[in-house]
Amino acid sequence: MAKHYKLDRVREMADNDEDFVMALAAAFIEEVPEDAERLRKAVPEKDFYETYQAAHKMKPTVELFDLGVYDELIEVQDWGKFEQEDKNVEAQLEKVLIAVENATNEIKADFGL
């Protein structure tokens, strides 16, 4: 359990209310993979606005579940925000996408979602 994510901050925020922890896990499953898919499409298309929006929306949840790719997500977000055409964020994006996929699969299994 919990190799690709951590529940320390989640449990702290939920004050150890397991129903709330479950609700946060369900929210992760609903929202984060969808936003990751938006990033998967937006970055190669150089859709800076969509990249910024998706990454910005993901930040709190990625940090809350401590996926270990917060800094990479910030780089992708900033690439979109500042329209850094001369910068390549494919490697950072790939790390984020893999972390989200791993955490999503593990959360689904761990919480029966």
Protein backbone atom coordinates (compact mmCIF):
# COMPACT_ATOMS: atom_id res chain seq x y z
CA MET A 1 0.00 0.00 0.00
CA ALA A 2 1.06 3.56 -0.77
CA LYS A 3 4.30 3.10 -2.70
CA HIS A 4 3.54 5.83 -5.25
CA TYR A 5 1.78 8.27 -2.95
CA LYS A 6 1.68 9.19 0.72
CA LEU A 7 -1.32 9.77 2.95
CA ASP A 8 0.42 11.72 5.74
CA ARG A 9 -0.88 15.14 4.62
CA VAL A 10 -4.23 13.68 3.59
CA ARG A 11 -4.77 12.12 7.03
CA GLU A 12 -3.60 15.30 8.74
CA MET A 13 -6.03 17.37 6.67
CA ALA A 14 -8.83 14.85 7.32
CA ASP A 15 -7.99 14.73 11.03
CA ASN A 16 -7.88 10.94 10.60
CA ASP A 17 -11.54 10.82 9.47
CA GLU A 18 -11.33 7.76 7.21
CA ASP A 19 -14.54 8.70 5.35
CA PHE A 20 -12.95 12.02 4.42
CA VAL A 21 -9.72 10.25 3.41
CA MET A 22 -11.83 8.03 1.15
CA ALA A 23 -13.57 11.09 -0.32
CA LEU A 24 -10.21 12.73 -1.07
CA ALA A 25 -8.95 9.54 -2.70
CA ALA A 26 -12.08 9.41 -4.84
CA ALA A 27 -11.60 13.06 -5.81
CA PHE A 28 -8.01 12.27 -6.81
CA ILE A 29 -9.21 9.45 -9.08
CA GLU A 30 -11.89 11.66 -10.65
CA GLU A 31 -9.82 14.75 -11.32
CA VAL A 32 -6.07 14.17 -11.53
CA PRO A 33 -5.95 11.59 -14.37
CA GLU A 34 -8.28 13.81 -16.42
CA ASP A 35 -6.01 16.82 -15.90
CA ALA A 36 -2.94 14.69 -16.68
CA GLU A 37 -4.56 13.75 -19.99
CA ARG A 38 -5.11 17.45 -20.72
CA LEU A 39 -1.36 17.97 -20.16
CA ARG A 40 -0.49 14.96 -22.34
CA LYS A 41 -2.26 16.67 -25.26
CA ALA A 42 -1.52 20.32 -24.54
CA VAL A 43 2.27 20.22 -24.19
CA PRO A 44 3.07 18.68 -27.60
CA GLU A 45 0.55 21.04 -29.21
CA LYS A 46 2.26 23.98 -27.46
CA ASP A 47 -1.09 24.97 -25.99
CA PHE A 48 0.40 27.13 -23.26
CA TYR A 49 -2.90 28.25 -21.77
CA GLU A 50 -4.30 24.71 -21.46
CA THR A 51 -0.99 23.48 -20.04
CA TYR A 52 -0.97 26.20 -17.41
CA GLN A 53 -4.62 25.63 -16.47
CA ALA A 54 -4.30 21.84 -16.13
CA ALA A 55 -1.00 21.94 -14.22
CA HIS A 56 -2.23 24.69 -11.91
CA LYS A 57 -5.37 22.68 -11.10
CA MET A 58 -3.34 19.54 -10.35
CA LYS A 59 -0.81 21.19 -8.02
CA PRO A 60 -2.68 21.06 -4.71
CA THR A 61 -3.70 17.43 -5.10
CA VAL A 62 -0.29 16.28 -6.31
CA GLU A 63 1.23 18.00 -3.29
CA LEU A 64 -1.42 16.68 -0.88
CA PHE A 65 -0.85 13.07 -1.98
CA ASP A 66 2.93 13.68 -2.15
CA LEU A 67 3.53 12.05 -5.54
CA GLY A 68 7.14 13.28 -5.56
CA VAL A 69 6.81 15.25 -8.81
CA TYR A 70 5.66 18.64 -7.50
CA ASP A 71 8.76 20.46 -8.78
CA GLU A 72 8.38 18.90 -12.24
CA LEU A 73 4.72 19.90 -12.32
CA ILE A 74 5.69 23.49 -11.44
CA GLU A 75 8.15 23.50 -14.35
CA VAL A 76 5.43 22.32 -16.74
CA GLN A 77 3.02 24.90 -15.32
CA ASP A 78 5.54 27.71 -15.67
CA TRP A 79 6.33 26.62 -19.23
CA GLY A 80 2.69 27.23 -20.04
CA LYS A 81 2.29 30.35 -17.92
CA PHE A 82 5.30 32.13 -19.37
CA GLU A 83 4.99 30.61 -22.86
CA GLN A 84 8.60 29.37 -22.78
CA GLU A 85 8.75 28.23 -26.40
CA ASP A 86 12.52 27.75 -26.24
CA LYS A 87 12.29 25.32 -23.29
CA ASN A 88 11.57 21.59 -23.55
CA VAL A 89 9.49 20.17 -20.69
CA GLU A 90 8.83 16.73 -22.20
CA ALA A 91 10.99 14.95 -19.59
CA GLN A 92 9.25 16.72 -16.70
CA LEU A 93 5.86 16.00 -18.24
CA GLU A 94 6.69 12.31 -18.63
CA LYS A 95 7.71 12.08 -14.95
CA VAL A 96 4.44 13.71 -13.90
CA LEU A 97 2.35 11.46 -16.14
CA ILE A 98 4.04 8.29 -14.88
CA ALA A 99 3.65 9.38 -11.25
CA VAL A 100 -0.03 10.16 -11.76
CA GLU A 101 -0.66 6.84 -13.50
CA ASN A 102 1.15 4.86 -10.80
CA ALA A 103 -0.60 6.70 -7.97
CA THR A 104 -4.00 6.39 -9.67
CA ASN A 105 -3.66 2.64 -10.09
CA GLU A 106 -2.45 2.21 -6.54
CA ILE A 107 -5.16 4.43 -5.00
CA LYS A 108 -7.83 2.54 -6.96
CA ALA A 109 -6.51 -0.76 -5.64
CA ASP A 110 -5.93 0.45 -2.07
CA PHE A 111 -9.35 2.11 -1.71
CA GLY A 112 -11.35 -0.28 -3.89
CA LEU A 113 -12.29 2.49 -6.32
